[in-house]
Amino acid sequence: MKFLRQFCIILLFSFLGEVLHNRLPLPVPASVYGLIFLFLALCTGLVRPEQVSETADFLIEIMPVMFIPAAVGLLDSWPVLRPICLPVIFITAATTILVMAVTGQVTQRIIRKKHKKEEA
């Protein structure tokens, strides 16, 4: 029952994101709106991390499975993608490295900041 309640909380924020996406004419995905809503709810204490943590961990664990339909869609589009394959591979590799570098730097800064607060 606990997992069902946690999943419903996450679905509620996803639904709110869908509603906002349908109301605003901005090119922002509904999932991003939902994540922002959930983030704000966690920051303000409206939702406590332990209210969603176990289901969130499960969803993160199965995330690779969610990419299978997208990969199959790419395989179906191979005739269209073949002429632009090399630029797509280069852009994908470059942006992956950039995202990893920025994420690492941000994480290191947060950890350093946290250690400074603990020492003070």
C-alpha atoms as a PDB file:
ATOM      1  CA  MET A   1       0.000   0.000   0.000  1.00  0.00           C
ATOM      2  CA  LYS A   2       2.928   2.302   0.759  1.00  0.00           C
ATOM      3  CA  PHE A   3       4.265   2.001  -2.792  1.00  0.00           C
ATOM      4  CA  LEU A   4       0.855   2.717  -4.269  1.00  0.00           C
ATOM      5  CA  ARG A   5       0.540   5.900  -2.197  1.00  0.00           C
ATOM      6  CA  GLN A   6       4.049   7.020  -3.182  1.00  0.00           C
ATOM      7  CA  PHE A   7       3.348   6.280  -6.833  1.00  0.00           C
ATOM      8  CA  CYS A   8       0.102   8.253  -6.667  1.00  0.00           C
ATOM      9  CA  ILE A   9       1.961  11.261  -5.253  1.00  0.00           C
ATOM     10  CA  ILE A  10       4.430  11.145  -8.144  1.00  0.00           C
ATOM     11  CA  LEU A  11       1.576  10.698 -10.643  1.00  0.00           C
ATOM     12  CA  LEU A  12      -0.228  13.694  -9.142  1.00  0.00           C
ATOM     13  CA  PHE A  13       2.736  15.953  -9.906  1.00  0.00           C
ATOM     14  CA  SER A  14       3.027  14.423 -13.362  1.00  0.00           C
ATOM     15  CA  PHE A  15      -0.661  15.169 -13.938  1.00  0.00           C
ATOM     16  CA  LEU A  16      -0.198  18.751 -12.746  1.00  0.00           C
ATOM     17  CA  GLY A  17       2.622  19.070 -15.267  1.00  0.00           C
ATOM     18  CA  GLU A  18       0.319  17.791 -18.014  1.00  0.00           C
ATOM     19  CA  VAL A  19      -2.355  20.312 -17.049  1.00  0.00           C
ATOM     20  CA  LEU A  20       0.113  23.206 -17.073  1.00  0.00           C
ATOM     21  CA  HIS A  21       1.558  22.025 -20.381  1.00  0.00           C
ATOM     22  CA  ASN A  22      -1.920  22.105 -21.943  1.00  0.00           C
ATOM     23  CA  ARG A  23      -2.633  25.581 -20.530  1.00  0.00           C
ATOM     24  CA  LEU A  24       0.641  27.343 -21.422  1.00  0.00           C
ATOM     25  CA  PRO A  25       1.726  27.795 -25.033  1.00  0.00           C
ATOM     26  CA  LEU A  26       5.404  27.243 -24.180  1.00  0.00           C
ATOM     27  CA  PRO A  27       7.591  24.535 -25.755  1.00  0.00           C
ATOM     28  CA  VAL A  28       8.314  22.931 -22.379  1.00  0.00           C
ATOM     29  CA  PRO A  29       7.515  19.213 -21.933  1.00  0.00           C
ATOM     30  CA  ALA A  30       4.862  18.325 -19.388  1.00  0.00           C
ATOM     31  CA  SER A  31       7.337  16.075 -17.573  1.00  0.00           C
ATOM     32  CA  VAL A  32       9.595  19.063 -16.911  1.00  0.00           C
ATOM     33  CA  TYR A  33       6.694  20.978 -15.381  1.00  0.00           C
ATOM     34  CA  GLY A  34       5.876  17.960 -13.223  1.00  0.00           C
ATOM     35  CA  LEU A  35       9.484  17.653 -12.056  1.00  0.00           C
ATOM     36  CA  ILE A  36       9.571  21.349 -11.188  1.00  0.00           C
ATOM     37  CA  PHE A  37       6.341  21.004  -9.204  1.00  0.00           C
ATOM     38  CA  LEU A  38       7.675  17.980  -7.333  1.00  0.00           C
ATOM     39  CA  PHE A  39      10.991  19.753  -6.683  1.00  0.00           C
ATOM     40  CA  LEU A  40       9.189  22.791  -5.281  1.00  0.00           C
ATOM     41  CA  ALA A  41       6.975  20.580  -3.136  1.00  0.00           C
ATOM     42  CA  LEU A  42      10.060  18.825  -1.747  1.00  0.00           C
ATOM     43  CA  CYS A  43      11.854  22.132  -1.115  1.00  0.00           C
ATOM     44  CA  THR A  44       8.892  23.692   0.660  1.00  0.00           C
ATOM     45  CA  GLY A  45       8.170  20.614   2.768  1.00  0.00           C
ATOM     46  CA  LEU A  46       4.776  20.014   1.198  1.00  0.00           C
ATOM     47  CA  VAL A  47       6.104  16.558   0.324  1.00  0.00           C
ATOM     48  CA  ARG A  48       8.792  14.917   2.440  1.00  0.00           C
ATOM     49  CA  PRO A  49      11.452  12.830   0.679  1.00  0.00           C
ATOM     50  CA  GLU A  50      10.480   9.699   2.580  1.00  0.00           C
ATOM     51  CA  GLN A  51       6.965  10.020   1.133  1.00  0.00           C
ATOM     52  CA  VAL A  52       8.253   9.261  -2.371  1.00  0.00           C
ATOM     53  CA  SER A  53      11.793   7.893  -1.992  1.00  0.00           C
ATOM     54  CA  GLU A  54      11.204   4.138  -2.328  1.00  0.00           C
ATOM     55  CA  THR A  55       9.029   4.427  -5.420  1.00  0.00           C
ATOM     56  CA  ALA A  56      11.393   7.019  -6.908  1.00  0.00           C
ATOM     57  CA  ASP A  57      14.303   4.600  -6.373  1.00  0.00           C
ATOM     58  CA  PHE A  58      12.340   1.859  -8.132  1.00  0.00           C
ATOM     59  CA  LEU A  59      11.509   4.122 -11.078  1.00  0.00           C
ATOM     60  CA  ILE A  60      15.165   5.112 -11.411  1.00  0.00           C
ATOM     61  CA  GLU A  61      16.196   1.442 -11.369  1.00  0.00           C
ATOM     62  CA  ILE A  62      13.874   0.564 -14.247  1.00  0.00           C
ATOM     63  CA  MET A  63      14.629   3.714 -16.249  1.00  0.00           C
ATOM     64  CA  PRO A  64      16.815   1.916 -18.833  1.00  0.00           C
ATOM     65  CA  VAL A  65      13.846  -0.273 -19.769  1.00  0.00           C
ATOM     66  CA  MET A  66      11.903   2.875 -20.653  1.00  0.00           C
ATOM     67  CA  PHE A  67      14.420   3.689 -23.408  1.00  0.00           C
ATOM     68  CA  ILE A  68      13.720   0.479 -25.356  1.00  0.00           C
ATOM     69  CA  PRO A  69      10.702   1.884 -27.274  1.00  0.00           C
ATOM     70  CA  ALA A  70      12.714   4.967 -28.250  1.00  0.00           C
ATOM     71  CA  ALA A  71      15.581   2.781 -29.478  1.00  0.00           C
ATOM     72  CA  VAL A  72      13.198   0.677 -31.540  1.00  0.00           C
ATOM     73  CA  GLY A  73      11.772   3.876 -33.023  1.00  0.00           C
ATOM     74  CA  LEU A  74      15.292   4.908 -34.035  1.00  0.00           C
ATOM     75  CA  LEU A  75      15.847   1.558 -35.707  1.00  0.00           C
ATOM     76  CA  ASP A  76      12.634   2.015 -37.672  1.00  0.00           C
ATOM     77  CA  SER A  77      13.894   5.426 -38.816  1.00  0.00           C
ATOM     78  CA  TRP A  78      17.305   4.163 -39.956  1.00  0.00           C
ATOM     79  CA  PRO A  79      16.795   5.062 -43.658  1.00  0.00           C
ATOM     80  CA  VAL A  80      16.154   8.678 -42.670  1.00  0.00           C
ATOM     81  CA  LEU A  81      18.999   8.765 -40.118  1.00  0.00           C
ATOM     82  CA  ARG A  82      21.688   7.114 -42.268  1.00  0.00           C
ATOM     83  CA  PRO A  83      22.754  10.295 -44.146  1.00  0.00           C
ATOM     84  CA  ILE A  84      23.155  12.256 -40.900  1.00  0.00           C
ATOM     85  CA  CYS A  85      24.588   9.422 -38.804  1.00  0.00           C
ATOM     86  CA  LEU A  86      28.097  10.842 -38.303  1.00  0.00           C
ATOM     87  CA  PRO A  87      26.971  14.326 -37.192  1.00  0.00           C
ATOM     88  CA  VAL A  88      24.439  12.769 -34.813  1.00  0.00           C
ATOM     89  CA  ILE A  89      27.099  10.487 -33.297  1.00  0.00           C
ATOM     90  CA  PHE A  90      29.506  13.409 -32.908  1.00  0.00           C
ATOM     91  CA  ILE A  91      26.879  15.676 -31.335  1.00  0.00           C
ATOM     92  CA  THR A  92      25.717  12.886 -29.018  1.00  0.00           C
ATOM     93  CA  ALA A  93      29.271  12.140 -27.859  1.00  0.00           C
ATOM     94  CA  ALA A  94      30.133  15.821 -27.381  1.00  0.00           C
ATOM     95  CA  THR A  95      26.984  16.630 -25.434  1.00  0.00           C
ATOM     96  CA  THR A  96      27.363  13.502 -23.299  1.00  0.00           C
ATOM     97  CA  ILE A  97      30.880  14.550 -22.321  1.00  0.00           C
ATOM     98  CA  LEU A  98      29.702  18.108 -21.661  1.00  0.00           C
ATOM     99  CA  VAL A  99      26.818  16.953 -19.464  1.00  0.00           C
ATOM    100  CA  MET A 100      29.103  14.601 -17.516  1.00  0.00           C
ATOM    101  CA  ALA A 101      31.664  17.373 -16.956  1.00  0.00           C
ATOM    102  CA  VAL A 102      29.109  19.955 -15.841  1.00  0.00           C
ATOM    103  CA  THR A 103      27.347  17.450 -13.588  1.00  0.00           C
ATOM    104  CA  GLY A 104      30.652  16.469 -11.994  1.00  0.00           C
ATOM    105  CA  GLN A 105      31.621  20.092 -11.378  1.00  0.00           C
ATOM    106  CA  VAL A 106      28.238  20.962  -9.868  1.00  0.00           C
ATOM    107  CA  THR A 107      28.329  17.870  -7.665  1.00  0.00           C
ATOM    108  CA  GLN A 108      31.834  18.691  -6.426  1.00  0.00           C
ATOM    109  CA  ARG A 109      30.807  22.255  -5.585  1.00  0.00           C
ATOM    110  CA  ILE A 110      27.749  21.059  -3.679  1.00  0.00           C
ATOM    111  CA  ILE A 111      29.827  18.527  -1.719  1.00  0.00           C
ATOM    112  CA  ARG A 112      32.455  21.164  -0.886  1.00  0.00           C
ATOM    113  CA  LYS A 113      29.760  23.611   0.202  1.00  0.00           C
ATOM    114  CA  LYS A 114      28.172  20.943   2.395  1.00  0.00           C
ATOM    115  CA  HIS A 115      31.520  20.116   4.029  1.00  0.00           C
ATOM    116  CA  LYS A 116      32.158  23.814   4.729  1.00  0.00           C
ATOM    117  CA  LYS A 117      28.768  24.105   6.417  1.00  0.00           C
ATOM    118  CA  GLU A 118      29.444  21.010   8.525  1.00  0.00           C
ATOM    119  CA  GLU A 119      32.845  22.327   9.615  1.00  0.00           C
ATOM    120  CA  ALA A 120      31.446  25.746  10.580  1.00  0.00           C
END
